[in-house]
Amino acid sequence: MSLAITGLGMVSSVGYDVVSSCAAIRCRMALPVPLGLQVVASGDQPGVESVVGFPIQGLTEGFVGLGLHALLVQEAIQDLCGYSRLTGEGPLFWENTALFLGISGARTLEQELLAEQLQESLLPVVVRRSGLGFSQGLQKVIAGGHVSVLAAMAEAADAIATGHVQRALIVGVDSLTSDLAALEWLDLKGRLKTPERAVGFMPGEAAVAVLVEDPVMARRCGARMEAYVEALQVGGSGRAVPSMRLVEPLEGTLARATRIGDVYGDLNGDASRASEWGTFLARFPPDSVLAGAQGHWPAMSLGDTGAASGGVSIAVATRSFVRKYAREDEILVWSRSDEGEVASGLLVRR
């Protein structure tokens, strides 16, 4: 089923709203700062240096755990309501809106308590703070990490198609910058970019909100439609060959495409993701639908934003249609979780 994107909201290290964030990402702005983790550094002046990341300065200082995630979600939803002029909508609008909340599971043993808190308590906190009156039976947490937002869109498409809901609000939120124990574990696993390790990712944090509706109903209601989402695919984790994880979901999405002008994906500095993307590209002939497509990797500006990353790609891609710098009428968006699951979709200019 095709979905219309009728609302966007974002808070990131380069902007407190979706318009500023997407503009900054487009011009490749980045605001990296030292984090609390220090590692050994050799070179000209041996000693210790801080791992660098992308916290949201001026907003998240002093917040951790459940409180931090709730703050980020609240900011993203408020931005979406302002962006889409939904501040005056009545309670019936939100009662007929499903709420999907995308988060990451525990990355370490120490994070299991936090993961449990997010699973059980984040949704009630978000609903209470937003004051939007979501129906109790139309709320769901998806702990899919990087693929959470696109996976939630696939579920939302099914729910809207069957008439269970009229629209869906999908929020992805994550922070890799504030948990020192998690940073230490990632460093021990060799996954962080450090002064001694050029290959790895830099931690980030963000929250993104996306409102999707049935295009026919959205047009009838005069909603602000800015793009369509089609050909959503989720899978890949069960493939025997890790380097081929991207193949099946992305080929399923591209089977619906005519000409891709831009690709927004999940490359974050991790060598395995780059290898998988390269393997996927090698399968396509020079005259394929991807011929001439330009790659965009939001992690260059925000670092790895985990469960928010898919939403970041969707927001930036949608804004490229609005601001008319998209190269073609179709954009490929893909995400890959740390566990190997892959999700992809096609954004189409309305």
C-alpha atoms as a PDB file:
ATOM      1  CA  MET A   1       0.000   0.000   0.000  1.00  0.00           C
ATOM      2  CA  SER A   2       1.184   3.542  -0.744  1.00  0.00           C
ATOM      3  CA  LEU A   3       1.403   5.918   2.229  1.00  0.00           C
ATOM      4  CA  ALA A   4       1.378   9.707   2.159  1.00  0.00           C
ATOM      5  CA  ILE A   5       3.835  11.510   4.429  1.00  0.00           C
ATOM      6  CA  THR A   6       1.812  14.322   5.975  1.00  0.00           C
ATOM      7  CA  GLY A   7       3.976  15.345   8.911  1.00  0.00           C
ATOM      8  CA  LEU A   8       7.621  15.535   9.985  1.00  0.00           C
ATOM      9  CA  GLY A   9       9.416  16.433  13.180  1.00  0.00           C
ATOM     10  CA  MET A  10      13.032  16.107  14.276  1.00  0.00           C
ATOM     11  CA  VAL A  11      15.518  17.075  16.932  1.00  0.00           C
ATOM     12  CA  SER A  12      19.213  16.450  16.289  1.00  0.00           C
ATOM     13  CA  SER A  13      22.706  17.674  17.048  1.00  0.00           C
ATOM     14  CA  VAL A  14      22.491  20.130  14.125  1.00  0.00           C
ATOM     15  CA  GLY A  15      18.984  21.463  14.705  1.00  0.00           C
ATOM     16  CA  TYR A  16      16.089  21.539  17.143  1.00  0.00           C
ATOM     17  CA  ASP A  17      13.519  21.145  14.341  1.00  0.00           C
ATOM     18  CA  VAL A  18      13.158  19.220  11.102  1.00  0.00           C
ATOM     19  CA  VAL A  19      13.675  22.175   8.766  1.00  0.00           C
ATOM     20  CA  SER A  20      16.940  23.270  10.397  1.00  0.00           C
ATOM     21  CA  SER A  21      18.191  19.697  10.831  1.00  0.00           C
ATOM     22  CA  CYS A  22      17.575  18.710   7.209  1.00  0.00           C
ATOM     23  CA  ALA A  23      19.124  21.924   5.889  1.00  0.00           C
ATOM     24  CA  ALA A  24      22.219  21.349   8.025  1.00  0.00           C
ATOM     25  CA  ILE A  25      22.519  17.725   6.919  1.00  0.00           C
ATOM     26  CA  ARG A  26      22.186  18.761   3.289  1.00  0.00           C
ATOM     27  CA  CYS A  27      25.174  21.113   3.590  1.00  0.00           C
ATOM     28  CA  ARG A  28      27.044  18.438   5.606  1.00  0.00           C
ATOM     29  CA  MET A  29      27.238  20.463   8.770  1.00  0.00           C
ATOM     30  CA  ALA A  30      28.505  18.546  11.801  1.00  0.00           C
ATOM     31  CA  LEU A  31      29.028  19.544  15.437  1.00  0.00           C
ATOM     32  CA  PRO A  32      31.174  16.812  17.011  1.00  0.00           C
ATOM     33  CA  VAL A  33      32.280  17.253  20.621  1.00  0.00           C
ATOM     34  CA  PRO A  34      34.330  15.145  23.070  1.00  0.00           C
ATOM     35  CA  LEU A  35      32.305  12.632  25.074  1.00  0.00           C
ATOM     36  CA  GLY A  36      32.963  11.234  28.544  1.00  0.00           C
ATOM     37  CA  LEU A  37      34.922   8.178  27.358  1.00  0.00           C
ATOM     38  CA  GLN A  38      38.686   8.552  27.089  1.00  0.00           C
ATOM     39  CA  VAL A  39      40.899   6.072  25.259  1.00  0.00           C
ATOM     40  CA  VAL A  40      44.627   5.583  24.835  1.00  0.00           C
ATOM     41  CA  ALA A  41      46.145   7.519  21.951  1.00  0.00           C
ATOM     42  CA  SER A  42      49.652   7.187  20.546  1.00  0.00           C
ATOM     43  CA  GLY A  43      50.999   9.305  17.714  1.00  0.00           C
ATOM     44  CA  ASP A  44      52.988  12.509  18.113  1.00  0.00           C
ATOM     45  CA  GLN A  45      51.821  13.112  21.698  1.00  0.00           C
ATOM     46  CA  PRO A  46      50.986   9.797  23.439  1.00  0.00           C
ATOM     47  CA  GLY A  47      48.381   9.928  26.177  1.00  0.00           C
ATOM     48  CA  VAL A  48      44.596   9.749  26.330  1.00  0.00           C
ATOM     49  CA  GLU A  49      41.985  11.420  24.154  1.00  0.00           C
ATOM     50  CA  SER A  50      38.212  11.596  24.337  1.00  0.00           C
ATOM     51  CA  VAL A  51      35.973   9.688  21.966  1.00  0.00           C
ATOM     52  CA  VAL A  52      34.087  12.198  19.832  1.00  0.00           C
ATOM     53  CA  GLY A  53      30.328  12.102  19.262  1.00  0.00           C
ATOM     54  CA  PHE A  54      27.263  14.170  18.418  1.00  0.00           C
ATOM     55  CA  PRO A  55      25.123  14.970  21.494  1.00  0.00           C
ATOM     56  CA  ILE A  56      22.329  17.537  21.196  1.00  0.00           C
ATOM     57  CA  GLN A  57      24.042  20.387  22.987  1.00  0.00           C
ATOM     58  CA  GLY A  58      21.866  22.781  24.937  1.00  0.00           C
ATOM     59  CA  LEU A  59      19.005  20.281  25.208  1.00  0.00           C
ATOM     60  CA  THR A  60      20.005  16.881  26.587  1.00  0.00           C
ATOM     61  CA  GLU A  61      22.687  17.819  29.128  1.00  0.00           C
ATOM     62  CA  GLY A  62      21.806  16.286  32.486  1.00  0.00           C
ATOM     63  CA  PHE A  63      19.288  13.821  31.023  1.00  0.00           C
ATOM     64  CA  VAL A  64      19.863  10.073  30.885  1.00  0.00           C
ATOM     65  CA  GLY A  65      17.880   6.898  30.380  1.00  0.00           C
ATOM     66  CA  LEU A  66      14.102   7.079  30.302  1.00  0.00           C
ATOM     67  CA  GLY A  67      14.021  10.817  30.914  1.00  0.00           C
ATOM     68  CA  LEU A  68      16.371  11.502  28.006  1.00  0.00           C
ATOM     69  CA  HIS A  69      14.357   9.385  25.562  1.00  0.00           C
ATOM     70  CA  ALA A  70      11.065  10.931  26.703  1.00  0.00           C
ATOM     71  CA  LEU A  71      12.474  14.433  26.236  1.00  0.00           C
ATOM     72  CA  LEU A  72      13.658  13.683  22.701  1.00  0.00           C
ATOM     73  CA  VAL A  73      10.339  12.111  21.675  1.00  0.00           C
ATOM     74  CA  GLN A  74       8.401  15.037  23.126  1.00  0.00           C
ATOM     75  CA  GLU A  75      10.504  17.533  21.161  1.00  0.00           C
ATOM     76  CA  ALA A  76      10.071  15.603  17.890  1.00  0.00           C
ATOM     77  CA  ILE A  77       6.278  15.321  18.273  1.00  0.00           C
ATOM     78  CA  GLN A  78       5.940  19.001  19.138  1.00  0.00           C
ATOM     79  CA  ASP A  79       7.965  19.897  16.061  1.00  0.00           C
ATOM     80  CA  LEU A  80       5.770  17.675  13.879  1.00  0.00           C
ATOM     81  CA  CYS A  81       2.592  19.314  15.169  1.00  0.00           C
ATOM     82  CA  GLY A  82       3.981  22.750  14.409  1.00  0.00           C
ATOM     83  CA  TYR A  83       5.393  21.755  11.027  1.00  0.00           C
ATOM     84  CA  SER A  84       2.090  20.207   9.900  1.00  0.00           C
ATOM     85  CA  ARG A  85      -0.159  22.763  11.615  1.00  0.00           C
ATOM     86  CA  LEU A  86      -1.854  20.137  13.780  1.00  0.00           C
ATOM     87  CA  THR A  87      -1.941  22.148  17.002  1.00  0.00           C
ATOM     88  CA  GLY A  88      -5.692  22.737  16.675  1.00  0.00           C
ATOM     89  CA  GLU A  89      -6.769  19.182  15.854  1.00  0.00           C
ATOM     90  CA  GLY A  90      -9.510  17.736  18.059  1.00  0.00           C
ATOM     91  CA  PRO A  91      -9.276  14.553  20.158  1.00  0.00           C
ATOM     92  CA  LEU A  92     -10.945  12.407  17.466  1.00  0.00           C
ATOM     93  CA  PHE A  93      -7.981  13.015  15.135  1.00  0.00           C
ATOM     94  CA  TRP A  94      -5.515  11.448  17.554  1.00  0.00           C
ATOM     95  CA  GLU A  95      -7.883   8.706  18.727  1.00  0.00           C
ATOM     96  CA  ASN A  96      -7.839   7.404  15.144  1.00  0.00           C
ATOM     97  CA  THR A  97      -4.038   7.627  14.924  1.00  0.00           C
ATOM     98  CA  ALA A  98      -1.803   4.655  15.752  1.00  0.00           C
ATOM     99  CA  LEU A  99       1.385   5.436  17.646  1.00  0.00           C
ATOM    100  CA  PHE A 100       4.509   3.412  16.876  1.00  0.00           C
ATOM    101  CA  LEU A 101       7.613   4.040  18.965  1.00  0.00           C
ATOM    102  CA  GLY A 102      10.922   2.765  17.573  1.00  0.00           C
ATOM    103  CA  ILE A 103      13.775   2.127  20.010  1.00  0.00           C
ATOM    104  CA  SER A 104      16.900  -0.020  20.281  1.00  0.00           C
ATOM    105  CA  GLY A 105      17.220  -3.074  22.478  1.00  0.00           C
ATOM    106  CA  ALA A 106      19.968  -3.563  25.052  1.00  0.00           C
ATOM    107  CA  ARG A 107      23.447  -3.297  23.560  1.00  0.00           C
ATOM    108  CA  THR A 108      25.147  -4.495  26.759  1.00  0.00           C
ATOM    109  CA  LEU A 109      24.194  -6.426  29.890  1.00  0.00           C
ATOM    110  CA  GLU A 110      24.203  -3.148  31.789  1.00  0.00           C
ATOM    111  CA  GLN A 111      21.588  -1.744  29.394  1.00  0.00           C
ATOM    112  CA  GLU A 112      19.044  -4.499  29.943  1.00  0.00           C
ATOM    113  CA  LEU A 113      17.352  -2.545  32.736  1.00  0.00           C
ATOM    114  CA  LEU A 114      17.121   0.555  30.529  1.00  0.00           C
ATOM    115  CA  ALA A 115      15.756  -1.498  27.626  1.00  0.00           C
ATOM    116  CA  GLU A 116      13.088  -2.927  29.929  1.00  0.00           C
ATOM    117  CA  GLN A 117      12.175   0.558  31.153  1.00  0.00           C
ATOM    118  CA  LEU A 118      11.862   1.864  27.605  1.00  0.00           C
ATOM    119  CA  GLN A 119       9.708  -1.087  26.576  1.00  0.00           C
ATOM    120  CA  GLU A 120       7.331  -0.732  29.517  1.00  0.00           C
ATOM    121  CA  SER A 121       7.348   2.951  30.472  1.00  0.00           C
ATOM    122  CA  LEU A 122       8.338   5.145  27.526  1.00  0.00           C
ATOM    123  CA  LEU A 123       5.022   4.908  25.671  1.00  0.00           C
ATOM    124  CA  PRO A 124       2.877   5.859  28.705  1.00  0.00           C
ATOM    125  CA  VAL A 125       5.202   8.775  29.471  1.00  0.00           C
ATOM    126  CA  VAL A 126       5.100   9.992  25.864  1.00  0.00           C
ATOM    127  CA  VAL A 127       1.306   9.734  25.650  1.00  0.00           C
ATOM    128  CA  ARG A 128       0.853  11.581  28.949  1.00  0.00           C
ATOM    129  CA  ARG A 129       3.286  14.372  28.091  1.00  0.00           C
ATOM    130  CA  SER A 130       1.993  14.872  24.562  1.00  0.00           C
ATOM    131  CA  GLY A 131      -1.604  15.253  25.710  1.00  0.00           C
ATOM    132  CA  LEU A 132      -2.796  14.059  22.296  1.00  0.00           C
ATOM    133  CA  GLY A 133      -5.147  11.304  23.473  1.00  0.00           C
ATOM    134  CA  PHE A 134      -3.933   8.278  21.528  1.00  0.00           C
ATOM    135  CA  SER A 135      -6.184   5.218  21.919  1.00  0.00           C
ATOM    136  CA  GLN A 136      -4.755   2.588  24.247  1.00  0.00           C
ATOM    137  CA  GLY A 137      -5.139  -0.220  21.720  1.00  0.00           C
ATOM    138  CA  LEU A 138      -3.329   1.660  18.943  1.00  0.00           C
ATOM    139  CA  GLN A 139       0.094   1.961  20.566  1.00  0.00           C
ATOM    140  CA  LYS A 140       3.129  -0.229  19.978  1.00  0.00           C
ATOM    141  CA  VAL A 141       6.855  -0.268  20.756  1.00  0.00           C
ATOM    142  CA  ILE A 142       9.169  -1.707  18.094  1.00  0.00           C
ATOM    143  CA  ALA A 143      12.646  -2.459  19.467  1.00  0.00           C
ATOM    144  CA  GLY A 144      14.238  -2.983  16.059  1.00  0.00           C
ATOM    145  CA  GLY A 145      17.167  -0.614  16.342  1.00  0.00           C
ATOM    146  CA  HIS A 146      18.071   0.995  13.022  1.00  0.00           C
ATOM    147  CA  VAL A 147      15.199  -0.639  11.108  1.00  0.00           C
ATOM    148  CA  SER A 148      12.515   0.428  13.615  1.00  0.00           C
ATOM    149  CA  VAL A 149      11.027   3.328  11.655  1.00  0.00           C
ATOM    150  CA  LEU A 150      10.781   1.541   8.308  1.00  0.00           C
ATOM    151  CA  ALA A 151       9.492  -1.627  10.000  1.00  0.00           C
ATOM    152  CA  ALA A 152       6.853   0.470  11.777  1.00  0.00           C
ATOM    153  CA  MET A 153       5.847   1.985   8.438  1.00  0.00           C
ATOM    154  CA  ALA A 154       5.293  -1.484   7.015  1.00  0.00           C
ATOM    155  CA  GLU A 155       3.035  -2.342   9.973  1.00  0.00           C
ATOM    156  CA  ALA A 156       1.256   0.997   9.682  1.00  0.00           C
ATOM    157  CA  ALA A 157       0.562   0.365   5.989  1.00  0.00           C
ATOM    158  CA  ASP A 158      -1.144  -2.923   6.858  1.00  0.00           C
ATOM    159  CA  ALA A 159      -3.189  -1.346   9.659  1.00  0.00           C
ATOM    160  CA  ILE A 160      -4.334   1.551   7.459  1.00  0.00           C
ATOM    161  CA  ALA A 161      -5.127  -0.740   4.528  1.00  0.00           C
ATOM    162  CA  THR A 162      -7.379  -2.922   6.703  1.00  0.00           C
ATOM    163  CA  GLY A 163      -9.172   0.114   8.141  1.00  0.00           C
ATOM    164  CA  HIS A 164      -8.005  -0.399  11.722  1.00  0.00           C
ATOM    165  CA  VAL A 165      -6.641   3.167  11.845  1.00  0.00           C
ATOM    166  CA  GLN A 166      -6.810   6.292   9.691  1.00  0.00           C
ATOM    167  CA  ARG A 167      -3.175   7.300  10.094  1.00  0.00           C
ATOM    168  CA  ALA A 168      -0.034   6.477  12.065  1.00  0.00           C
ATOM    169  CA  LEU A 169       2.492   8.556  13.965  1.00  0.00           C
ATOM    170  CA  ILE A 170       5.885   6.840  13.906  1.00  0.00           C
ATOM    171  CA  VAL A 171       8.668   8.050  16.199  1.00  0.00           C
ATOM    172  CA  GLY A 172      12.234   6.758  16.272  1.00  0.00           C
ATOM    173  CA  VAL A 173      14.471   7.748  19.187  1.00  0.00           C
ATOM    174  CA  ASP A 174      17.937   6.767  20.370  1.00  0.00           C
ATOM    175  CA  SER A 175      21.020   8.041  22.160  1.00  0.00           C
ATOM    176  CA  LEU A 176      24.488   6.533  22.078  1.00  0.00           C
ATOM    177  CA  THR A 177      26.271   9.527  23.591  1.00  0.00           C
ATOM    178  CA  SER A 178      25.318   9.514  27.289  1.00  0.00           C
ATOM    179  CA  ASP A 179      25.840   5.918  28.451  1.00  0.00           C
ATOM    180  CA  LEU A 180      29.505   5.567  29.432  1.00  0.00           C
ATOM    181  CA  ALA A 181      29.251   1.800  30.035  1.00  0.00           C
ATOM    182  CA  ALA A 182      27.785   1.246  26.575  1.00  0.00           C
ATOM    183  CA  LEU A 183      30.513   3.372  25.003  1.00  0.00           C
ATOM    184  CA  GLU A 184      33.188   1.357  26.811  1.00  0.00           C
ATOM    185  CA  TRP A 185      31.634  -1.895  25.566  1.00  0.00           C
ATOM    186  CA  LEU A 186      31.457  -0.602  21.975  1.00  0.00           C
ATOM    187  CA  ASP A 187      35.101   0.452  22.206  1.00  0.00           C
ATOM    188  CA  LEU A 188      36.155  -2.973  23.499  1.00  0.00           C
ATOM    189  CA  LYS A 189      34.310  -4.548  20.571  1.00  0.00           C
ATOM    190  CA  GLY A 190      36.284  -2.344  18.187  1.00  0.00           C
ATOM    191  CA  ARG A 191      33.203  -0.619  16.807  1.00  0.00           C
ATOM    192  CA  LEU A 192      33.875   3.009  17.758  1.00  0.00           C
ATOM    193  CA  LYS A 193      35.947   5.426  15.730  1.00  0.00           C
ATOM    194  CA  THR A 194      38.832   6.562  17.952  1.00  0.00           C
ATOM    195  CA  PRO A 195      42.232   8.229  17.497  1.00  0.00           C
ATOM    196  CA  GLU A 196      43.678   4.703  17.187  1.00  0.00           C
ATOM    197  CA  ARG A 197      40.922   3.248  15.020  1.00  0.00           C
ATOM    198  CA  ALA A 198      39.959   4.976  11.787  1.00  0.00           C
ATOM    199  CA  VAL A 199      37.201   2.503  10.897  1.00  0.00           C
ATOM    200  CA  GLY A 200      34.179   2.693  13.159  1.00  0.00           C
ATOM    201  CA  PHE A 201      31.156   4.818  13.951  1.00  0.00           C
ATOM    202  CA  MET A 202      30.771   7.969  16.000  1.00  0.00           C
ATOM    203  CA  PRO A 203      27.937   8.006  18.580  1.00  0.00           C
ATOM    204  CA  GLY A 204      24.968  10.296  18.054  1.00  0.00           C
ATOM    205  CA  GLU A 205      21.463  10.934  19.345  1.00  0.00           C
ATOM    206  CA  ALA A 206      18.229  12.089  17.718  1.00  0.00           C
ATOM    207  CA  ALA A 207      14.482  11.683  17.573  1.00  0.00           C
ATOM    208  CA  VAL A 208      12.344  11.788  14.431  1.00  0.00           C
ATOM    209  CA  ALA A 209       8.558  11.779  14.064  1.00  0.00           C
ATOM    210  CA  VAL A 210       6.764  10.912  10.809  1.00  0.00           C
ATOM    211  CA  LEU A 211       3.000  11.036  10.229  1.00  0.00           C
ATOM    212  CA  VAL A 212       1.681   8.776   7.447  1.00  0.00           C
ATOM    213  CA  GLU A 213      -1.836   8.421   6.037  1.00  0.00           C
ATOM    214  CA  ASP A 214      -3.752   6.842   3.205  1.00  0.00           C
ATOM    215  CA  PRO A 215      -3.206   9.195   0.226  1.00  0.00           C
ATOM    216  CA  VAL A 216      -6.886   9.269  -0.723  1.00  0.00           C
ATOM    217  CA  MET A 217      -8.014  10.182   2.791  1.00  0.00           C
ATOM    218  CA  ALA A 218      -5.187  12.674   3.215  1.00  0.00           C
ATOM    219  CA  ARG A 219      -6.140  14.434  -0.010  1.00  0.00           C
ATOM    220  CA  ARG A 220      -9.792  14.503   1.021  1.00  0.00           C
ATOM    221  CA  CYS A 221      -8.896  16.080   4.364  1.00  0.00           C
ATOM    222  CA  GLY A 222      -6.525  18.626   2.836  1.00  0.00           C
ATOM    223  CA  ALA A 223      -3.490  17.275   4.673  1.00  0.00           C
ATOM    224  CA  ARG A 224       0.005  18.521   3.904  1.00  0.00           C
ATOM    225  CA  MET A 225       1.259  15.729   1.636  1.00  0.00           C
ATOM    226  CA  GLU A 226       4.959  15.947   0.746  1.00  0.00           C
ATOM    227  CA  ALA A 227       5.899  12.461  -0.496  1.00  0.00           C
ATOM    228  CA  TYR A 228       4.607   8.936  -0.889  1.00  0.00           C
ATOM    229  CA  VAL A 229       6.171   5.819   0.624  1.00  0.00           C
ATOM    230  CA  GLU A 230       5.921   2.612  -1.389  1.00  0.00           C
ATOM    231  CA  ALA A 231       7.454  -0.855  -1.743  1.00  0.00           C
ATOM    232  CA  LEU A 232       8.349  -1.272   1.938  1.00  0.00           C
ATOM    233  CA  GLN A 233      10.407  -4.398   2.605  1.00  0.00           C
ATOM    234  CA  VAL A 234      11.706  -5.859   5.887  1.00  0.00           C
ATOM    235  CA  GLY A 235      14.000  -8.899   6.165  1.00  0.00           C
ATOM    236  CA  GLY A 236      17.566 -10.000   5.662  1.00  0.00           C
ATOM    237  CA  SER A 237      18.603 -11.192   9.143  1.00  0.00           C
ATOM    238  CA  GLY A 238      18.168 -14.860   8.273  1.00  0.00           C
ATOM    239  CA  ARG A 239      20.439 -14.893   5.236  1.00  0.00           C
ATOM    240  CA  ALA A 240      23.296 -17.407   5.454  1.00  0.00           C
ATOM    241  CA  VAL A 241      25.840 -15.017   3.922  1.00  0.00           C
ATOM    242  CA  PRO A 242      26.092 -11.745   5.914  1.00  0.00           C
ATOM    243  CA  SER A 243      27.474  -9.789   2.941  1.00  0.00           C
ATOM    244  CA  MET A 244      24.216 -10.519   1.065  1.00  0.00           C
ATOM    245  CA  ARG A 245      21.840  -9.190   3.730  1.00  0.00           C
ATOM    246  CA  LEU A 246      20.873  -6.093   1.760  1.00  0.00           C
ATOM    247  CA  VAL A 247      20.093  -7.950  -1.442  1.00  0.00           C
ATOM    248  CA  GLU A 248      16.623  -9.389  -0.950  1.00  0.00           C
ATOM    249  CA  PRO A 249      14.879  -6.401   0.730  1.00  0.00           C
ATOM    250  CA  LEU A 250      16.459  -3.783  -1.527  1.00  0.00           C
ATOM    251  CA  GLU A 251      15.824  -5.752  -4.702  1.00  0.00           C
ATOM    252  CA  GLY A 252      12.195  -6.106  -3.624  1.00  0.00           C
ATOM    253  CA  THR A 253      11.922  -2.334  -3.242  1.00  0.00           C
ATOM    254  CA  LEU A 254      13.767  -1.538  -6.465  1.00  0.00           C
ATOM    255  CA  ALA A 255      11.487  -3.868  -8.434  1.00  0.00           C
ATOM    256  CA  ARG A 256       8.877  -1.108  -8.070  1.00  0.00           C
ATOM    257  CA  ALA A 257      11.239   1.705  -9.077  1.00  0.00           C
ATOM    258  CA  THR A 258      11.680   3.427 -12.439  1.00  0.00           C
ATOM    259  CA  ARG A 259      14.710   5.663 -11.892  1.00  0.00           C
ATOM    260  CA  ILE A 260      16.423   6.324  -8.558  1.00  0.00           C
ATOM    261  CA  GLY A 261      18.070   9.715  -8.250  1.00  0.00           C
ATOM    262  CA  ASP A 262      19.208   9.568  -4.622  1.00  0.00           C
ATOM    263  CA  VAL A 263      19.891   6.936  -1.985  1.00  0.00           C
ATOM    264  CA  TYR A 264      19.657   7.637   1.757  1.00  0.00           C
ATOM    265  CA  GLY A 265      21.134   4.832   3.796  1.00  0.00           C
ATOM    266  CA  ASP A 266      22.644   3.540   6.971  1.00  0.00           C
ATOM    267  CA  LEU A 267      26.375   3.718   6.277  1.00  0.00           C
ATOM    268  CA  ASN A 268      27.911   4.911   9.541  1.00  0.00           C
ATOM    269  CA  GLY A 269      31.627   4.104   9.312  1.00  0.00           C
ATOM    270  CA  ASP A 270      31.196   0.426  10.161  1.00  0.00           C
ATOM    271  CA  ALA A 271      33.201  -1.712   7.718  1.00  0.00           C
ATOM    272  CA  SER A 272      30.624  -4.509   7.479  1.00  0.00           C
ATOM    273  CA  ARG A 273      27.877  -2.133   6.348  1.00  0.00           C
ATOM    274  CA  ALA A 274      30.130  -0.651   3.690  1.00  0.00           C
ATOM    275  CA  SER A 275      31.021  -4.136   2.477  1.00  0.00           C
ATOM    276  CA  GLU A 276      27.357  -5.151   2.282  1.00  0.00           C
ATOM    277  CA  TRP A 277      26.462  -2.001   0.350  1.00  0.00           C
ATOM    278  CA  GLY A 278      29.341  -2.547  -2.055  1.00  0.00           C
ATOM    279  CA  THR A 279      28.306  -6.164  -2.596  1.00  0.00           C
ATOM    280  CA  PHE A 280      24.767  -5.037  -3.339  1.00  0.00           C
ATOM    281  CA  LEU A 281      25.879  -2.403  -5.861  1.00  0.00           C
ATOM    282  CA  ALA A 282      28.082  -4.920  -7.655  1.00  0.00           C
ATOM    283  CA  ARG A 283      24.982  -6.893  -8.621  1.00  0.00           C
ATOM    284  CA  PHE A 284      23.511  -4.061 -10.695  1.00  0.00           C
ATOM    285  CA  PRO A 285      24.460  -3.402 -14.345  1.00  0.00           C
ATOM    286  CA  PRO A 286      25.468   0.112 -15.451  1.00  0.00           C
ATOM    287  CA  ASP A 287      22.029   0.760 -16.967  1.00  0.00           C
ATOM    288  CA  SER A 288      20.002  -0.267 -13.888  1.00  0.00           C
ATOM    289  CA  VAL A 289      17.516   1.922 -12.017  1.00  0.00           C
ATOM    290  CA  LEU A 290      20.406   2.915  -9.719  1.00  0.00           C
ATOM    291  CA  ALA A 291      22.586   4.207 -12.546  1.00  0.00           C
ATOM    292  CA  GLY A 292      23.805   7.678 -11.623  1.00  0.00           C
ATOM    293  CA  ALA A 293      22.131   7.660  -8.198  1.00  0.00           C
ATOM    294  CA  GLN A 294      23.840   9.785  -5.554  1.00  0.00           C
ATOM    295  CA  GLY A 295      24.408   8.341  -2.083  1.00  0.00           C
ATOM    296  CA  HIS A 296      23.671  10.327   1.071  1.00  0.00           C
ATOM    297  CA  TRP A 297      24.724   9.171   4.535  1.00  0.00           C
ATOM    298  CA  PRO A 298      23.215  11.297   7.368  1.00  0.00           C
ATOM    299  CA  ALA A 299      25.609   9.735   9.886  1.00  0.00           C
ATOM    300  CA  MET A 300      28.290  12.015   8.442  1.00  0.00           C
ATOM    301  CA  SER A 301      26.492  14.908  10.173  1.00  0.00           C
ATOM    302  CA  LEU A 302      24.785  13.216  13.129  1.00  0.00           C
ATOM    303  CA  GLY A 303      26.866  10.156  13.905  1.00  0.00           C
ATOM    304  CA  ASP A 304      25.083   6.847  14.450  1.00  0.00           C
ATOM    305  CA  THR A 305      21.560   7.681  15.639  1.00  0.00           C
ATOM    306  CA  GLY A 306      20.403   4.063  16.083  1.00  0.00           C
ATOM    307  CA  ALA A 307      16.634   3.670  16.052  1.00  0.00           C
ATOM    308  CA  ALA A 308      16.187   7.241  14.815  1.00  0.00           C
ATOM    309  CA  SER A 309      18.401   6.741  11.743  1.00  0.00           C
ATOM    310  CA  GLY A 310      15.689   5.441   9.411  1.00  0.00           C
ATOM    311  CA  GLY A 311      13.461   8.368  10.301  1.00  0.00           C
ATOM    312  CA  VAL A 312      16.316  10.789   9.694  1.00  0.00           C
ATOM    313  CA  SER A 313      16.773   9.402   6.178  1.00  0.00           C
ATOM    314  CA  ILE A 314      13.053   9.644   5.455  1.00  0.00           C
ATOM    315  CA  ALA A 315      12.842  13.204   6.735  1.00  0.00           C
ATOM    316  CA  VAL A 316      15.872  14.440   4.787  1.00  0.00           C
ATOM    317  CA  ALA A 317      14.709  12.669   1.623  1.00  0.00           C
ATOM    318  CA  THR A 318      11.207  14.124   1.943  1.00  0.00           C
ATOM    319  CA  ARG A 319      12.593  17.612   2.463  1.00  0.00           C
ATOM    320  CA  SER A 320      14.669  17.177  -0.704  1.00  0.00           C
ATOM    321  CA  PHE A 321      11.379  16.935  -2.608  1.00  0.00           C
ATOM    322  CA  VAL A 322       9.956  19.961  -0.811  1.00  0.00           C
ATOM    323  CA  ARG A 323      13.067  22.073  -1.451  1.00  0.00           C
ATOM    324  CA  LYS A 324      13.383  20.724  -5.016  1.00  0.00           C
ATOM    325  CA  TYR A 325      16.951  19.458  -4.843  1.00  0.00           C
ATOM    326  CA  ALA A 326      16.085  15.781  -5.292  1.00  0.00           C
ATOM    327  CA  ARG A 327      17.667  14.522  -8.497  1.00  0.00           C
ATOM    328  CA  GLU A 328      14.718  12.385  -9.635  1.00  0.00           C
ATOM    329  CA  ASP A 329      11.156  11.592  -8.567  1.00  0.00           C
ATOM    330  CA  GLU A 330      12.159   8.430  -6.675  1.00  0.00           C
ATOM    331  CA  ILE A 331      14.477   7.959  -3.691  1.00  0.00           C
ATOM    332  CA  LEU A 332      15.684   4.696  -2.158  1.00  0.00           C
ATOM    333  CA  VAL A 333      15.858   4.625   1.656  1.00  0.00           C
ATOM    334  CA  TRP A 334      17.381   1.685   3.549  1.00  0.00           C
ATOM    335  CA  SER A 335      18.397   0.748   7.077  1.00  0.00           C
ATOM    336  CA  ARG A 336      20.310  -2.152   8.613  1.00  0.00           C
ATOM    337  CA  SER A 337      20.200  -3.090  12.287  1.00  0.00           C
ATOM    338  CA  ASP A 338      23.178  -4.296  14.313  1.00  0.00           C
ATOM    339  CA  GLU A 339      21.557  -7.744  14.340  1.00  0.00           C
ATOM    340  CA  GLY A 340      21.481  -7.844  10.544  1.00  0.00           C
ATOM    341  CA  GLU A 341      17.825  -7.092   9.813  1.00  0.00           C
ATOM    342  CA  VAL A 342      17.300  -4.847   6.793  1.00  0.00           C
ATOM    343  CA  ALA A 343      14.405  -2.554   5.855  1.00  0.00           C
ATOM    344  CA  SER A 344      13.946  -0.464   2.731  1.00  0.00           C
ATOM    345  CA  GLY A 345      11.370   1.703   1.027  1.00  0.00           C
ATOM    346  CA  LEU A 346      10.786   3.909  -1.966  1.00  0.00           C
ATOM    347  CA  LEU A 347       9.980   7.594  -1.531  1.00  0.00           C
ATOM    348  CA  VAL A 348       8.126   9.070  -4.479  1.00  0.00           C
ATOM    349  CA  ARG A 349       7.547  12.747  -5.234  1.00  0.00           C
ATOM    350  CA  ARG A 350       3.860  13.600  -4.810  1.00  0.00           C
END
